[in-house]
Amino acid sequence: MLRDEFEGRLWADHHHVFSEQVAALFADTALVFRRLSARLYDAPWERSERKARSN
C-alpha cells in the first residue's frame, strides 16, 4: 500500500470526528472571548442595578 493511499484512508475514516473537534475548539474559544468582552465592557451602573433588583 502506498503512503498516499494509507493517509487518504485514515482521513476518510476520521475526518468527521476531527472536524467536530476543531469546531468545538473554535466554539469554546469564541465563548471565552465573549465572556471576557462582557466582563471588560460591563457598565458599572448596570451592574449595581442588577444587584439591587436581585435582592
PDB file of N, CA and C in Angstrom:
ATOM      1  N   MET A   1       0.849  -1.181   0.000  1.00  0.00           N
ATOM      2  CA  MET A   1       0.000   0.000   0.000  1.00  0.00           C
ATOM      3  C   MET A   1       0.894   1.244   0.000  1.00  0.00           C
ATOM      4  N   LEU A   2       0.572   2.171  -0.829  1.00  0.00           N
ATOM      5  CA  LEU A   2       1.333   3.411  -0.907  1.00  0.00           C
ATOM      6  C   LEU A   2       0.976   4.346   0.247  1.00  0.00           C
ATOM      7  N   ARG A   3       1.903   5.238   0.534  1.00  0.00           N
ATOM      8  CA  ARG A   3       1.711   6.166   1.647  1.00  0.00           C
ATOM      9  C   ARG A   3       0.447   7.016   1.451  1.00  0.00           C
ATOM     10  N   ASP A   4       0.238   7.544   0.256  1.00  0.00           N
ATOM     11  CA  ASP A   4      -0.927   8.390  -0.005  1.00  0.00           C
ATOM     12  C   ASP A   4      -2.231   7.622   0.159  1.00  0.00           C
ATOM     13  N   GLU A   5      -2.232   6.361  -0.227  1.00  0.00           N
ATOM     14  CA  GLU A   5      -3.438   5.554  -0.052  1.00  0.00           C
ATOM     15  C   GLU A   5      -3.731   5.341   1.424  1.00  0.00           C
ATOM     16  N   PHE A   6      -2.681   5.112   2.215  1.00  0.00           N
ATOM     17  CA  PHE A   6      -2.844   4.885   3.649  1.00  0.00           C
ATOM     18  C   PHE A   6      -3.352   6.147   4.337  1.00  0.00           C
ATOM     19  N   GLU A   7      -2.706   7.281   4.075  1.00  0.00           N
ATOM     20  CA  GLU A   7      -3.113   8.536   4.701  1.00  0.00           C
ATOM     21  C   GLU A   7      -4.493   8.966   4.220  1.00  0.00           C
ATOM     22  N   GLY A   8      -4.793   8.730   2.954  1.00  0.00           N
ATOM     23  CA  GLY A   8      -6.114   9.065   2.438  1.00  0.00           C
ATOM     24  C   GLY A   8      -7.202   8.261   3.118  1.00  0.00           C
ATOM     25  N   ARG A   9      -6.920   7.002   3.383  1.00  0.00           N
ATOM     26  CA  ARG A   9      -7.899   6.139   4.061  1.00  0.00           C
ATOM     27  C   ARG A   9      -8.117   6.598   5.505  1.00  0.00           C
ATOM     28  N   LEU A  10      -7.034   6.965   6.195  1.00  0.00           N
ATOM     29  CA  LEU A  10      -7.174   7.474   7.562  1.00  0.00           C
ATOM     30  C   LEU A  10      -8.021   8.748   7.578  1.00  0.00           C
ATOM     31  N   TRP A  11      -7.762   9.639   6.632  1.00  0.00           N
ATOM     32  CA  TRP A  11      -8.531  10.879   6.553  1.00  0.00           C
ATOM     33  C   TRP A  11     -10.004  10.581   6.286  1.00  0.00           C
ATOM     34  N   ALA A  12     -10.261   9.672   5.385  1.00  0.00           N
ATOM     35  CA  ALA A  12     -11.642   9.323   5.058  1.00  0.00           C
ATOM     36  C   ALA A  12     -12.357   8.713   6.258  1.00  0.00           C
ATOM     37  N   ASP A  13     -11.633   7.942   7.061  1.00  0.00           N
ATOM     38  CA  ASP A  13     -12.254   7.292   8.220  1.00  0.00           C
ATOM     39  C   ASP A  13     -12.493   8.258   9.380  1.00  0.00           C
ATOM     40  N   HIS A  14     -11.661   9.287   9.511  1.00  0.00           N
ATOM     41  CA  HIS A  14     -11.695  10.103  10.737  1.00  0.00           C
ATOM     42  C   HIS A  14     -11.921  11.595  10.514  1.00  0.00           C
ATOM     43  N   HIS A  15     -12.207  12.037   9.302  1.00  0.00           N
ATOM     44  CA  HIS A  15     -12.317  13.482   9.079  1.00  0.00           C
ATOM     45  C   HIS A  15     -13.523  14.086   9.785  1.00  0.00           C
ATOM     46  N   HIS A  16     -14.598  13.334   9.964  1.00  0.00           N
ATOM     47  CA  HIS A  16     -15.788  13.877  10.624  1.00  0.00           C
ATOM     48  C   HIS A  16     -15.508  14.159  12.098  1.00  0.00           C
ATOM     49  N   VAL A  17     -14.867  13.226  12.771  1.00  0.00           N
ATOM     50  CA  VAL A  17     -14.525  13.417  14.184  1.00  0.00           C
ATOM     51  C   VAL A  17     -13.558  14.585  14.342  1.00  0.00           C
ATOM     52  N   PHE A  18     -12.571  14.656  13.474  1.00  0.00           N
ATOM     53  CA  PHE A  18     -11.605  15.753  13.514  1.00  0.00           C
ATOM     54  C   PHE A  18     -12.300  17.098  13.312  1.00  0.00           C
ATOM     55  N   SER A  19     -13.198  17.158  12.345  1.00  0.00           N
ATOM     56  CA  SER A  19     -13.918  18.403  12.063  1.00  0.00           C
ATOM     57  C   SER A  19     -14.776  18.824  13.252  1.00  0.00           C
ATOM     58  N   GLU A  20     -15.429  17.870  13.896  1.00  0.00           N
ATOM     59  CA  GLU A  20     -16.235  18.190  15.081  1.00  0.00           C
ATOM     60  C   GLU A  20     -15.369  18.725  16.216  1.00  0.00           C
ATOM     61  N   GLN A  21     -14.203  18.143  16.407  1.00  0.00           N
ATOM     62  CA  GLN A  21     -13.316  18.597  17.473  1.00  0.00           C
ATOM     63  C   GLN A  21     -12.769  19.988  17.197  1.00  0.00           C
ATOM     64  N   VAL A  22     -12.442  20.277  15.967  1.00  0.00           N
ATOM     65  CA  VAL A  22     -11.972  21.618  15.607  1.00  0.00           C
ATOM     66  C   VAL A  22     -13.094  22.634  15.790  1.00  0.00           C
ATOM     67  N   ALA A  23     -14.307  22.282  15.398  1.00  0.00           N
ATOM     68  CA  ALA A  23     -15.451  23.180  15.576  1.00  0.00           C
ATOM     69  C   ALA A  23     -15.712  23.428  17.056  1.00  0.00           C
ATOM     70  N   ALA A  24     -15.596  22.405  17.881  1.00  0.00           N
ATOM     71  CA  ALA A  24     -15.786  22.570  19.325  1.00  0.00           C
ATOM     72  C   ALA A  24     -14.709  23.475  19.916  1.00  0.00           C
ATOM     73  N   LEU A  25     -13.482  23.339  19.438  1.00  0.00           N
ATOM     74  CA  LEU A  25     -12.392  24.200  19.907  1.00  0.00           C
ATOM     75  C   LEU A  25     -12.677  25.664  19.573  1.00  0.00           C
ATOM     76  N   PHE A  26     -13.118  25.931  18.347  1.00  0.00           N
ATOM     77  CA  PHE A  26     -13.445  27.306  17.965  1.00  0.00           C
ATOM     78  C   PHE A  26     -14.637  27.839  18.752  1.00  0.00           C
ATOM     79  N   ALA A  27     -15.636  27.005  18.996  1.00  0.00           N
ATOM     80  CA  ALA A  27     -16.800  27.443  19.770  1.00  0.00           C
ATOM     81  C   ALA A  27     -16.406  27.775  21.201  1.00  0.00           C
ATOM     82  N   ASP A  28     -15.560  26.947  21.811  1.00  0.00           N
ATOM     83  CA  ASP A  28     -15.100  27.231  23.173  1.00  0.00           C
ATOM     84  C   ASP A  28     -14.259  28.495  23.229  1.00  0.00           C
ATOM     85  N   THR A  29     -13.418  28.692  22.240  1.00  0.00           N
ATOM     86  CA  THR A  29     -12.597  29.903  22.182  1.00  0.00           C
ATOM     87  C   THR A  29     -13.469  31.143  22.022  1.00  0.00           C
ATOM     88  N   ALA A  30     -14.488  31.054  21.180  1.00  0.00           N
ATOM     89  CA  ALA A  30     -15.400  32.181  20.997  1.00  0.00           C
ATOM     90  C   ALA A  30     -16.145  32.486  22.289  1.00  0.00           C
ATOM     91  N   LEU A  31     -16.550  31.452  23.011  1.00  0.00           N
ATOM     92  CA  LEU A  31     -17.245  31.646  24.286  1.00  0.00           C
ATOM     93  C   LEU A  31     -16.347  32.369  25.291  1.00  0.00           C
ATOM     94  N   VAL A  32     -15.086  31.984  25.344  1.00  0.00           N
ATOM     95  CA  VAL A  32     -14.141  32.650  26.246  1.00  0.00           C
ATOM     96  C   VAL A  32     -14.010  34.129  25.900  1.00  0.00           C
ATOM     97  N   PHE A  33     -13.874  34.437  24.614  1.00  0.00           N
ATOM     98  CA  PHE A  33     -13.755  35.840  24.222  1.00  0.00           C
ATOM     99  C   PHE A  33     -15.035  36.620  24.494  1.00  0.00           C
ATOM    100  N   ARG A  34     -16.197  36.009  24.307  1.00  0.00           N
ATOM    101  CA  ARG A  34     -17.463  36.697  24.628  1.00  0.00           C
ATOM    102  C   ARG A  34     -17.560  36.991  26.112  1.00  0.00           C
ATOM    103  N   ARG A  35     -17.173  36.037  26.951  1.00  0.00           N
ATOM    104  CA  ARG A  35     -17.231  36.261  28.405  1.00  0.00           C
ATOM    105  C   ARG A  35     -16.222  37.314  28.850  1.00  0.00           C
ATOM    106  N   LEU A  36     -15.011  37.262  28.298  1.00  0.00           N
ATOM    107  CA  LEU A  36     -14.020  38.283  28.645  1.00  0.00           C
ATOM    108  C   LEU A  36     -14.461  39.662  28.191  1.00  0.00           C
ATOM    109  N   SER A  37     -15.027  39.734  27.004  1.00  0.00           N
ATOM    110  CA  SER A  37     -15.501  41.010  26.483  1.00  0.00           C
ATOM    111  C   SER A  37     -16.652  41.548  27.329  1.00  0.00           C
ATOM    112  N   ALA A  38     -17.570  40.679  27.710  1.00  0.00           N
ATOM    113  CA  ALA A  38     -18.693  41.117  28.547  1.00  0.00           C
ATOM    114  C   ALA A  38     -18.201  41.620  29.892  1.00  0.00           C
ATOM    115  N   ARG A  39     -17.204  40.956  30.449  1.00  0.00           N
ATOM    116  CA  ARG A  39     -16.666  41.392  31.739  1.00  0.00           C
ATOM    117  C   ARG A  39     -15.888  42.700  31.608  1.00  0.00           C
ATOM    118  N   LEU A  40     -15.133  42.830  30.532  1.00  0.00           N
ATOM    119  CA  LEU A  40     -14.321  44.025  30.326  1.00  0.00           C
ATOM    120  C   LEU A  40     -15.187  45.253  30.054  1.00  0.00           C
ATOM    121  N   TYR A  41     -16.238  45.090  29.262  1.00  0.00           N
ATOM    122  CA  TYR A  41     -17.052  46.231  28.850  1.00  0.00           C
ATOM    123  C   TYR A  41     -18.375  46.332  29.602  1.00  0.00           C
ATOM    124  N   ASP A  42     -18.472  45.643  30.729  1.00  0.00           N
ATOM    125  CA  ASP A  42     -19.679  45.721  31.543  1.00  0.00           C
ATOM    126  C   ASP A  42     -19.764  47.115  32.161  1.00  0.00           C
ATOM    127  N   ALA A  43     -20.929  47.734  32.052  1.00  0.00           N
ATOM    128  CA  ALA A  43     -21.115  49.076  32.590  1.00  0.00           C
ATOM    129  C   ALA A  43     -21.373  48.994  34.100  1.00  0.00           C
ATOM    130  N   PRO A  44     -20.626  49.743  34.907  1.00  0.00           N
ATOM    131  CA  PRO A  44     -20.788  49.672  36.369  1.00  0.00           C
ATOM    132  C   PRO A  44     -22.201  50.054  36.825  1.00  0.00           C
ATOM    133  N   TRP A  45     -22.838  51.006  36.153  1.00  0.00           N
ATOM    134  CA  TRP A  45     -24.175  51.407  36.564  1.00  0.00           C
ATOM    135  C   TRP A  45     -25.205  50.306  36.286  1.00  0.00           C
ATOM    136  N   GLU A  46     -24.982  49.511  35.265  1.00  0.00           N
ATOM    137  CA  GLU A  46     -25.867  48.379  35.023  1.00  0.00           C
ATOM    138  C   GLU A  46     -25.628  47.277  36.047  1.00  0.00           C
ATOM    139  N   ARG A  47     -24.412  47.101  36.456  1.00  0.00           N
ATOM    140  CA  ARG A  47     -24.069  46.068  37.430  1.00  0.00           C
ATOM    141  C   ARG A  47     -24.759  46.346  38.764  1.00  0.00           C
ATOM    142  N   SER A  48     -24.758  47.604  39.238  1.00  0.00           N
ATOM    143  CA  SER A  48     -25.388  47.925  40.517  1.00  0.00           C
ATOM    144  C   SER A  48     -26.909  47.790  40.427  1.00  0.00           C
ATOM    145  N   GLU A  49     -27.506  48.091  39.264  1.00  0.00           N
ATOM    146  CA  GLU A  49     -28.944  47.911  39.093  1.00  0.00           C
ATOM    147  C   GLU A  49     -29.328  46.439  39.173  1.00  0.00           C
ATOM    148  N   ARG A  50     -28.534  45.585  38.591  1.00  0.00           N
ATOM    149  CA  ARG A  50     -28.818  44.152  38.621  1.00  0.00           C
ATOM    150  C   ARG A  50     -28.744  43.632  40.055  1.00  0.00           C
ATOM    151  N   LYS A  51     -27.776  44.083  40.820  1.00  0.00           N
ATOM    152  CA  LYS A  51     -27.661  43.634  42.220  1.00  0.00           C
ATOM    153  C   LYS A  51     -28.844  44.126  43.035  1.00  0.00           C
ATOM    154  N   ALA A  52     -29.277  45.360  42.798  1.00  0.00           N
ATOM    155  CA  ALA A  52     -30.399  45.911  43.563  1.00  0.00           C
ATOM    156  C   ALA A  52     -31.692  45.165  43.227  1.00  0.00           C
ATOM    157  N   ARG A  53     -31.879  44.806  41.951  1.00  0.00           N
ATOM    158  CA  ARG A  53     -33.086  44.090  41.549  1.00  0.00           C
ATOM    159  C   ARG A  53     -33.119  42.669  42.089  1.00  0.00           C
ATOM    160  N   SER A  54     -31.957  42.024  42.181  1.00  0.00           N
ATOM    161  CA  SER A  54     -31.929  40.630  42.622  1.00  0.00           C
ATOM    162  C   SER A  54     -32.147  40.491  44.121  1.00  0.00           C
ATOM    163  N   ASN A  55     -31.908  41.545  44.897  1.00  0.00           N
ATOM    164  CA  ASN A  55     -32.095  41.468  46.362  1.00  0.00           C
ATOM    165  C   ASN A  55     -33.486  41.655  46.750  1.00  0.00           C
TER     166      ASN A  55
END
